[in-house]
């Protein structure tokens, strides 16, 4: 599946097998990736700030390599390690 460079709006990929999909430079608006298989997917330059990543763990983050995420999403990932991010 090739979604490269596309603006993806209000799509529910929850639980979907997206292994190997190309999301290079895609923009996610109100989309859900909750529980999706992302192995081998390409996210270089993809803007995931408008995506619900669900309870993604740091073990899954290599699949998101090169993606843009929000501070809130980063906090959720780090909370899974027991870390707390505070403003300086």
Protein backbone atom coordinates (compact mmCIF):
# COMPACT_ATOMS: atom_id res chain seq x y z
CA UNK A 1 0.00 0.00 0.00
CA UNK A 2 1.35 3.39 -0.95
CA UNK A 3 0.05 6.40 0.98
CA UNK A 4 3.17 8.48 0.37
CA UNK A 5 2.60 12.24 0.25
CA UNK A 6 -1.13 11.91 0.93
CA UNK A 7 -3.26 13.78 3.43
CA UNK A 8 -5.13 11.09 5.34
CA UNK A 9 -8.23 12.35 7.08
CA UNK A 10 -10.48 10.55 9.54
CA UNK A 11 -9.26 7.08 8.63
CA UNK A 12 -9.49 4.25 11.12
CA UNK A 13 -6.53 1.91 10.73
CA UNK A 14 -7.18 0.36 14.17
CA UNK A 15 -6.00 -3.24 14.20
CA UNK A 16 -5.12 -3.12 10.49
CA UNK A 17 -2.14 -4.93 9.00
CA UNK A 18 -0.10 -2.02 7.63
CA UNK A 19 3.15 -3.97 7.50
CA UNK A 20 5.30 -2.65 4.66
CA UNK A 21 2.97 0.26 3.84
CA UNK A 22 4.58 3.46 2.61
CA UNK A 23 3.49 6.57 4.57
CA UNK A 24 6.49 8.69 3.57
CA UNK A 25 5.59 12.41 3.91
CA UNK A 26 1.92 11.59 4.60
CA UNK A 27 -0.12 13.82 6.91
CA UNK A 28 -2.49 12.18 9.39
CA UNK A 29 -5.61 14.17 10.39
CA UNK A 30 -7.87 12.53 12.98
CA UNK A 31 -6.69 9.02 12.09
CA UNK A 32 -6.28 6.02 14.36
CA UNK A 33 -3.33 3.64 14.29
CA UNK A 34 -4.41 2.01 17.55
CA UNK A 35 -3.28 -1.61 17.59
CA UNK A 36 -2.17 -1.59 13.94
CA UNK A 37 0.71 -3.77 12.73
CA UNK A 38 3.34 -1.27 11.58
CA UNK A 39 6.26 -3.66 10.98
CA UNK A 40 8.23 -2.61 7.97
CA UNK A 41 6.04 0.45 7.30
CA UNK A 42 7.86 3.60 6.18
CA UNK A 43 7.06 6.84 8.01
CA UNK A 44 9.96 9.09 6.98
CA UNK A 45 8.67 12.68 7.09
CA UNK A 46 5.14 11.53 8.00
CA UNK A 47 3.28 13.93 10.30
CA UNK A 48 1.59 11.76 12.93
CA UNK A 49 0.58 14.63 15.23
CA UNK A 50 -3.05 14.16 14.14
CA UNK A 51 -3.00 10.40 14.72
CA UNK A 52 -4.15 8.36 17.68
CA UNK A 53 -1.21 6.05 18.28
CA UNK A 54 -3.09 4.21 20.99
CA UNK A 55 -0.95 2.47 23.55
CA UNK A 56 2.09 2.15 21.31
CA UNK A 57 5.19 1.12 23.22
CA UNK A 58 8.81 2.07 22.75
CA UNK A 59 9.34 -1.40 21.32
CA UNK A 60 7.16 -0.32 18.40
CA UNK A 61 8.86 3.03 17.83
CA UNK A 62 11.51 1.75 15.38
CA UNK A 63 8.59 1.26 12.99
CA UNK A 64 7.92 5.02 13.21
CA UNK A 65 11.50 6.05 12.39
CA UNK A 66 11.61 9.46 10.73
CA UNK A 67 8.03 10.40 11.69
CA UNK A 68 6.98 13.68 13.28
CA UNK A 69 5.08 13.30 16.56
CA UNK A 70 3.72 15.76 19.12
CA UNK A 71 5.10 16.43 22.58
CA UNK A 72 2.02 14.73 24.05
CA UNK A 73 2.66 11.61 21.95
CA UNK A 74 6.32 11.60 23.02
CA UNK A 75 5.24 11.91 26.65
CA UNK A 76 2.97 8.89 26.25
CA UNK A 77 5.81 6.83 24.79
CA UNK A 78 8.18 7.83 27.59
CA UNK A 79 5.54 7.20 30.25
CA UNK A 80 5.60 3.58 29.11
CA UNK A 81 9.18 3.49 30.39
CA UNK A 82 8.19 5.06 33.67
CA UNK A 83 9.69 8.43 32.72
CA UNK A 84 8.02 11.77 33.31
CA UNK A 85 8.75 14.75 31.08
CA UNK A 86 8.48 18.15 32.74
CA UNK A 87 8.91 21.58 31.15
CA UNK A 88 12.15 23.35 31.98
